[in-house]
PDB file of N, CA and C in Angstrom:
ATOM      1  N   MET A   1     115.323  86.775 113.531  1.00  0.00           N
ATOM      2  CA  MET A   1     116.192  86.457 114.618  1.00  0.00           C
ATOM      3  C   MET A   1     116.106  87.632 115.552  1.00  0.00           C
ATOM      4  N   ASN A   2     116.152  87.278 116.706  1.00  0.00           N
ATOM      5  CA  ASN A   2     115.973  88.228 117.795  1.00  0.00           C
ATOM      6  C   ASN A   2     117.242  88.192 118.584  1.00  0.00           C
ATOM      7  N   GLN A   3     117.209  88.983 119.750  1.00  0.00           N
ATOM      8  CA  GLN A   3     118.469  89.175 120.564  1.00  0.00           C
ATOM      9  C   GLN A   3     118.896  87.772 121.240  1.00  0.00           C
ATOM     10  N   HIS A   4     118.016  86.971 121.333  1.00  0.00           N
ATOM     11  CA  HIS A   4     118.254  85.659 121.952  1.00  0.00           C
ATOM     12  C   HIS A   4     118.527  84.573 120.966  1.00  0.00           C
ATOM     13  N   GLY A   5     118.553  84.814 119.757  1.00  0.00           N
ATOM     14  CA  GLY A   5     118.881  83.741 118.809  1.00  0.00           C
ATOM     15  C   GLY A   5     117.725  83.777 117.757  1.00  0.00           C
ATOM     16  N   PRO A   6     117.757  82.662 117.027  1.00  0.00           N
ATOM     17  CA  PRO A   6     116.534  82.475 115.991  1.00  0.00           C
ATOM     18  C   PRO A   6     115.260  82.161 116.789  1.00  0.00           C
ATOM     19  N   MET A   7     114.185  82.488 116.128  1.00  0.00           N
ATOM     20  CA  MET A   7     112.934  82.441 116.671  1.00  0.00           C
ATOM     21  C   MET A   7     112.668  80.861 116.830  1.00  0.00           C
ATOM     22  N   PRO A   8     111.958  80.347 117.971  1.00  0.00           N
ATOM     23  CA  PRO A   8     111.661  78.897 118.089  1.00  0.00           C
ATOM     24  C   PRO A   8     110.733  78.370 116.864  1.00  0.00           C
ATOM     25  N   ARG A   9     110.813  77.265 116.247  1.00  0.00           N
ATOM     26  CA  ARG A   9     109.942  76.935 115.257  1.00  0.00           C
ATOM     27  C   ARG A   9     108.932  75.931 116.037  1.00  0.00           C
ATOM     28  N   ARG A  10     107.764  75.829 115.335  1.00  0.00           N
ATOM     29  CA  ARG A  10     106.713  74.978 115.894  1.00  0.00           C
ATOM     30  C   ARG A  10     106.891  73.646 115.262  1.00  0.00           C
ATOM     31  N   HIS A  11     106.236  72.526 115.585  1.00  0.00           N
ATOM     32  CA  HIS A  11     106.511  71.240 115.045  1.00  0.00           C
ATOM     33  C   HIS A  11     106.379  71.244 113.629  1.00  0.00           C
ATOM     34  N   ASP A  12     105.266  72.275 113.019  1.00  0.00           N
ATOM     35  CA  ASP A  12     105.066  72.152 111.651  1.00  0.00           C
ATOM     36  C   ASP A  12     106.178  72.833 110.772  1.00  0.00           C
ATOM     37  N   GLY A  13     107.118  73.486 111.490  1.00  0.00           N
ATOM     38  CA  GLY A  13     108.281  74.178 110.706  1.00  0.00           C
ATOM     39  C   GLY A  13     107.987  75.661 110.557  1.00  0.00           C
ATOM     40  N   ARG A  14     106.761  76.184 111.095  1.00  0.00           N
ATOM     41  CA  ARG A  14     106.530  77.653 110.979  1.00  0.00           C
ATOM     42  C   ARG A  14     107.042  78.217 112.250  1.00  0.00           C
ATOM     43  N   HIS A  15     107.373  79.470 112.269  1.00  0.00           N
ATOM     44  CA  HIS A  15     107.711  80.170 113.536  1.00  0.00           C
ATOM     45  C   HIS A  15     106.410  80.477 114.358  1.00  0.00           C
ATOM     46  N   GLU A  16     106.613  80.472 115.316  1.00  0.00           N
ATOM     47  CA  GLU A  16     105.386  80.622 116.377  1.00  0.00           C
ATOM     48  C   GLU A  16     104.675  81.962 116.025  1.00  0.00           C
ATOM     49  N   SER A  17     105.293  82.990 115.441  1.00  0.00           N
ATOM     50  CA  SER A  17     104.691  84.237 115.103  1.00  0.00           C
ATOM     51  C   SER A  17     103.719  84.125 114.028  1.00  0.00           C
ATOM     52  N   GLU A  18     103.925  82.966 113.191  1.00  0.00           N
ATOM     53  CA  GLU A  18     103.029  82.748 112.015  1.00  0.00           C
ATOM     54  C   GLU A  18     101.910  81.730 112.329  1.00  0.00           C
ATOM     55  N   ARG A  19     101.541  81.646 113.681  1.00  0.00           N
ATOM     56  CA  ARG A  19     100.376  80.751 114.041  1.00  0.00           C
ATOM     57  C   ARG A  19      99.038  81.342 113.590  1.00  0.00           C
ATOM     58  N   ARG A  20      98.180  80.651 113.051  1.00  0.00           N
ATOM     59  CA  ARG A  20      96.723  80.973 112.657  1.00  0.00           C
ATOM     60  C   ARG A  20      96.087  81.231 113.786  1.00  0.00           C
ATOM     61  N   GLU A  21      95.208  82.294 113.746  1.00  0.00           N
ATOM     62  CA  GLU A  21      94.411  82.402 114.852  1.00  0.00           C
ATOM     63  C   GLU A  21      93.285  81.434 115.043  1.00  0.00           C
ATOM     64  N   THR A  22      92.962  80.808 114.189  1.00  0.00           N
ATOM     65  CA  THR A  22      91.926  79.655 114.186  1.00  0.00           C
ATOM     66  C   THR A  22      92.509  78.451 114.794  1.00  0.00           C
ATOM     67  N   GLY A  23      93.682  78.311 114.580  1.00  0.00           N
ATOM     68  CA  GLY A  23      94.223  77.109 115.091  1.00  0.00           C
ATOM     69  C   GLY A  23      93.999  75.899 114.095  1.00  0.00           C
ATOM     70  N   THR A  24      93.509  76.014 112.935  1.00  0.00           N
ATOM     71  CA  THR A  24      93.294  75.026 112.114  1.00  0.00           C
ATOM     72  C   THR A  24      94.379  75.061 110.855  1.00  0.00           C
ATOM     73  N   ALA A  25      94.846  74.157 110.397  1.00  0.00           N
ATOM     74  CA  ALA A  25      95.644  74.068 109.195  1.00  0.00           C
ATOM     75  C   ALA A  25      95.002  74.378 107.881  1.00  0.00           C
ATOM     76  N   VAL A  26      93.825  74.006 107.786  1.00  0.00           N
ATOM     77  CA  VAL A  26      92.864  74.143 106.642  1.00  0.00           C
ATOM     78  C   VAL A  26      91.880  75.174 106.894  1.00  0.00           C
ATOM     79  N   GLU A  27      91.758  76.184 105.812  1.00  0.00           N
ATOM     80  CA  GLU A  27      90.636  77.218 106.228  1.00  0.00           C
ATOM     81  C   GLU A  27      89.274  76.402 105.636  1.00  0.00           C
ATOM     82  N   THR A  28      88.191  76.738 106.428  1.00  0.00           N
ATOM     83  CA  THR A  28      86.928  76.189 106.022  1.00  0.00           C
ATOM     84  C   THR A  28      86.394  77.122 105.039  1.00  0.00           C
ATOM     85  N   PRO A  29      85.627  76.625 104.321  1.00  0.00           N
ATOM     86  CA  PRO A  29      84.869  77.339 103.221  1.00  0.00           C
ATOM     87  C   PRO A  29      83.967  78.312 103.811  1.00  0.00           C
ATOM     88  N   LYS A  30      83.444  78.285 104.890  1.00  0.00           N
ATOM     89  CA  LYS A  30      82.586  79.212 105.669  1.00  0.00           C
ATOM     90  C   LYS A  30      83.527  80.379 105.977  1.00  0.00           C
ATOM     91  N   SER A  31      84.609  80.113 106.543  1.00  0.00           N
ATOM     92  CA  SER A  31      85.640  81.263 106.927  1.00  0.00           C
ATOM     93  C   SER A  31      86.114  81.943 105.913  1.00  0.00           C
ATOM     94  N   ALA A  32      86.486  81.229 104.651  1.00  0.00           N
ATOM     95  CA  ALA A  32      86.952  81.974 103.413  1.00  0.00           C
ATOM     96  C   ALA A  32      85.942  82.894 102.847  1.00  0.00           C
ATOM     97  N   LEU A  33      84.529  82.447 102.956  1.00  0.00           N
ATOM     98  CA  LEU A  33      83.578  83.185 102.541  1.00  0.00           C
ATOM     99  C   LEU A  33      83.221  84.422 103.367  1.00  0.00           C
ATOM    100  N   ALA A  34      83.444  84.162 104.706  1.00  0.00           N
ATOM    101  CA  ALA A  34      83.282  85.347 105.490  1.00  0.00           C
ATOM    102  C   ALA A  34      84.394  86.264 105.350  1.00  0.00           C
ATOM    103  N   LYS A  35      85.572  85.869 104.994  1.00  0.00           N
ATOM    104  CA  LYS A  35      86.758  86.908 104.759  1.00  0.00           C
ATOM    105  C   LYS A  35      86.417  87.717 103.380  1.00  0.00           C
ATOM    106  N   ALA A  36      85.934  86.905 102.438  1.00  0.00           N
ATOM    107  CA  ALA A  36      85.670  87.522 101.102  1.00  0.00           C
ATOM    108  C   ALA A  36      84.556  88.618 101.267  1.00  0.00           C
ATOM    109  N   ARG A  37      83.491  88.168 101.921  1.00  0.00           N
ATOM    110  CA  ARG A  37      82.458  89.250 102.347  1.00  0.00           C
ATOM    111  C   ARG A  37      83.010  90.481 103.183  1.00  0.00           C
ATOM    112  N   GLY A  38      83.710  90.091 104.007  1.00  0.00           N
ATOM    113  CA  GLY A  38      84.314  91.385 104.879  1.00  0.00           C
ATOM    114  C   GLY A  38      85.181  92.353 103.914  1.00  0.00           C
ATOM    115  N   VAL A  39      85.882  91.549 103.035  1.00  0.00           N
ATOM    116  CA  VAL A  39      86.788  92.418 102.117  1.00  0.00           C
ATOM    117  C   VAL A  39      85.914  93.439 101.099  1.00  0.00           C
ATOM    118  N   LEU A  40      84.839  92.622 100.565  1.00  0.00           N
ATOM    119  CA  LEU A  40      83.950  93.228  99.822  1.00  0.00           C
ATOM    120  C   LEU A  40      83.134  94.380 100.478  1.00  0.00           C
ATOM    121  N   GLU A  41      82.887  94.159 101.675  1.00  0.00           N
ATOM    122  CA  GLU A  41      81.968  95.262 102.576  1.00  0.00           C
ATOM    123  C   GLU A  41      82.849  96.444 102.704  1.00  0.00           C
ATOM    124  N   PHE A  42      84.300  96.074 102.993  1.00  0.00           N
ATOM    125  CA  PHE A  42      85.300  97.196 103.230  1.00  0.00           C
ATOM    126  C   PHE A  42      85.356  98.042 102.002  1.00  0.00           C
ATOM    127  N   VAL A  43      85.547  97.358 100.883  1.00  0.00           N
ATOM    128  CA  VAL A  43      85.576  97.990  99.556  1.00  0.00           C
ATOM    129  C   VAL A  43      84.247  98.953  99.317  1.00  0.00           C
ATOM    130  N   TRP A  44      83.283  98.375  99.648  1.00  0.00           N
ATOM    131  CA  TRP A  44      81.915  99.019  99.345  1.00  0.00           C
ATOM    132  C   TRP A  44      81.587 100.250 100.105  1.00  0.00           C
ATOM    133  N   SER A  45      82.076 100.141 101.438  1.00  0.00           N
ATOM    134  CA  SER A  45      81.869 101.273 102.367  1.00  0.00           C
ATOM    135  C   SER A  45      83.029 102.162 102.543  1.00  0.00           C
ATOM    136  N   HIS A  46      84.028 101.904 101.805  1.00  0.00           N
ATOM    137  CA  HIS A  46      85.327 102.850 101.957  1.00  0.00           C
ATOM    138  C   HIS A  46      84.839 104.125 101.292  1.00  0.00           C
ATOM    139  N   PRO A  47      85.080 105.307 101.947  1.00  0.00           N
ATOM    140  CA  PRO A  47      84.876 106.755 101.418  1.00  0.00           C
ATOM    141  C   PRO A  47      85.375 106.972 100.081  1.00  0.00           C
ATOM    142  N   ALA A  48      86.447 106.606  99.764  1.00  0.00           N
ATOM    143  CA  ALA A  48      86.987 106.892  98.303  1.00  0.00           C
ATOM    144  C   ALA A  48      86.203 106.242  97.279  1.00  0.00           C
ATOM    145  N   ASN A  49      85.420 105.294  97.554  1.00  0.00           N
ATOM    146  CA  ASN A  49      84.752 104.663  96.584  1.00  0.00           C
ATOM    147  C   ASN A  49      83.150 104.916  96.443  1.00  0.00           C
ATOM    148  N   ARG A  50      83.026 106.176  97.173  1.00  0.00           N
ATOM    149  CA  ARG A  50      81.637 106.569  97.384  1.00  0.00           C
ATOM    150  C   ARG A  50      80.761 106.669  96.048  1.00  0.00           C
ATOM    151  N   ASP A  51      81.379 107.369  95.043  1.00  0.00           N
ATOM    152  CA  ASP A  51      80.517 107.566  93.884  1.00  0.00           C
ATOM    153  C   ASP A  51      80.828 106.433  92.728  1.00  0.00           C
ATOM    154  N   ARG A  52      81.642 105.414  93.120  1.00  0.00           N
ATOM    155  CA  ARG A  52      81.929 104.406  92.157  1.00  0.00           C
ATOM    156  C   ARG A  52      82.071 103.022  92.827  1.00  0.00           C
ATOM    157  N   ARG A  53      81.119 102.545  93.637  1.00  0.00           N
ATOM    158  CA  ARG A  53      81.179 101.385  94.347  1.00  0.00           C
ATOM    159  C   ARG A  53      81.187 100.100  93.588  1.00  0.00           C
ATOM    160  N   LEU A  54      80.444 100.042  92.552  1.00  0.00           N
ATOM    161  CA  LEU A  54      80.358  98.778  91.723  1.00  0.00           C
ATOM    162  C   LEU A  54      81.630  98.633  91.008  1.00  0.00           C
ATOM    163  N   ALA A  55      82.148  99.798  90.566  1.00  0.00           N
ATOM    164  CA  ALA A  55      83.439  99.585  89.881  1.00  0.00           C
ATOM    165  C   ALA A  55      84.634  99.316  90.766  1.00  0.00           C
ATOM    166  N   ALA A  56      84.559  99.673  91.861  1.00  0.00           N
ATOM    167  CA  ALA A  56      85.521  99.249  92.935  1.00  0.00           C
ATOM    168  C   ALA A  56      85.297  97.903  93.359  1.00  0.00           C
ATOM    169  N   VAL A  57      84.155  97.368  93.546  1.00  0.00           N
ATOM    170  CA  VAL A  57      83.874  95.958  93.821  1.00  0.00           C
ATOM    171  C   VAL A  57      84.549  95.209  92.730  1.00  0.00           C
ATOM    172  N   HIS A  58      84.124  95.493  91.467  1.00  0.00           N
ATOM    173  CA  HIS A  58      84.726  94.784  90.387  1.00  0.00           C
ATOM    174  C   HIS A  58      86.089  94.838  90.207  1.00  0.00           C
ATOM    175  N   ARG A  59      86.878  95.896  90.512  1.00  0.00           N
ATOM    176  CA  ARG A  59      88.299  95.918  90.613  1.00  0.00           C
ATOM    177  C   ARG A  59      88.901  95.015  91.574  1.00  0.00           C
ATOM    178  N   ALA A  60      88.208  94.959  92.813  1.00  0.00           N
ATOM    179  CA  ALA A  60      88.714  94.088  93.954  1.00  0.00           C
ATOM    180  C   ALA A  60      88.607  92.671  93.435  1.00  0.00           C
ATOM    181  N   ILE A  61      87.253  92.227  92.793  1.00  0.00           N
ATOM    182  CA  ILE A  61      87.251  90.936  92.509  1.00  0.00           C
ATOM    183  C   ILE A  61      88.244  90.441  91.449  1.00  0.00           C
ATOM    184  N   ASP A  62      88.364  91.450  90.493  1.00  0.00           N
ATOM    185  CA  ASP A  62      89.250  90.993  89.397  1.00  0.00           C
ATOM    186  C   ASP A  62      90.662  90.961  89.874  1.00  0.00           C
ATOM    187  N   PHE A  63      91.037  91.648  90.815  1.00  0.00           N
ATOM    188  CA  PHE A  63      92.476  91.687  91.329  1.00  0.00           C
ATOM    189  C   PHE A  63      92.645  90.326  91.973  1.00  0.00           C
ATOM    190  N   GLN A  64      91.525  89.829  92.756  1.00  0.00           N
ATOM    191  CA  GLN A  64      91.523  88.591  93.548  1.00  0.00           C
ATOM    192  C   GLN A  64      91.626  87.390  92.625  1.00  0.00           C
ATOM    193  N   VAL A  65      90.832  87.329  91.498  1.00  0.00           N
ATOM    194  CA  VAL A  65      90.857  86.313  90.561  1.00  0.00           C
ATOM    195  C   VAL A  65      92.239  86.127  89.915  1.00  0.00           C
ATOM    196  N   ARG A  66      92.709  87.400  89.367  1.00  0.00           N
ATOM    197  CA  ARG A  66      93.985  87.364  88.758  1.00  0.00           C
ATOM    198  C   ARG A  66      95.133  86.837  89.587  1.00  0.00           C
ATOM    199  N   ALA A  67      95.185  87.354  90.853  1.00  0.00           N
ATOM    200  CA  ALA A  67      96.171  86.912  91.831  1.00  0.00           C
ATOM    201  C   ALA A  67      96.192  85.515  92.192  1.00  0.00           C
ATOM    202  N   ARG A  68      95.139  84.995  92.298  1.00  0.00           N
ATOM    203  CA  ARG A  68      94.912  83.481  92.702  1.00  0.00           C
ATOM    204  C   ARG A  68      95.079  82.488  91.448  1.00  0.00           C
ATOM    205  N   LEU A  69      94.728  82.998  90.278  1.00  0.00           N
ATOM    206  CA  LEU A  69      94.998  82.194  89.281  1.00  0.00           C
ATOM    207  C   LEU A  69      96.326  82.372  88.366  1.00  0.00           C
ATOM    208  N   ALA A  70      97.175  83.231  88.858  1.00  0.00           N
ATOM    209  CA  ALA A  70      98.367  83.492  88.061  1.00  0.00           C
ATOM    210  C   ALA A  70      99.227  82.282  88.471  1.00  0.00           C
ATOM    211  N   ALA A  71     100.125  81.930  87.587  1.00  0.00           N
ATOM    212  CA  ALA A  71     101.171  80.880  87.805  1.00  0.00           C
ATOM    213  C   ALA A  71     102.214  81.230  88.598  1.00  0.00           C
ATOM    214  N   PRO A  72     102.562  80.316  89.745  1.00  0.00           N
ATOM    215  CA  PRO A  72     103.568  80.746  90.621  1.00  0.00           C
ATOM    216  C   PRO A  72     105.066  80.955  90.061  1.00  0.00           C
TER     217      PRO A  72
END
């Protein structure tokens, strides 16, 4: 809510601020893989992981798998 009342909702019920950058409702496998690759590259190149990159990538993958397979 802002000073002018509630935020306007889009036709799909989401707030305008929740709009996806791609403009698509369903993420394509290519973009999902690109995001995953970006995350893994970030973990790999992060200075804190310099001496233990494989372990850091393993932790990141483990975290994602557990988060996505956990029951809601």
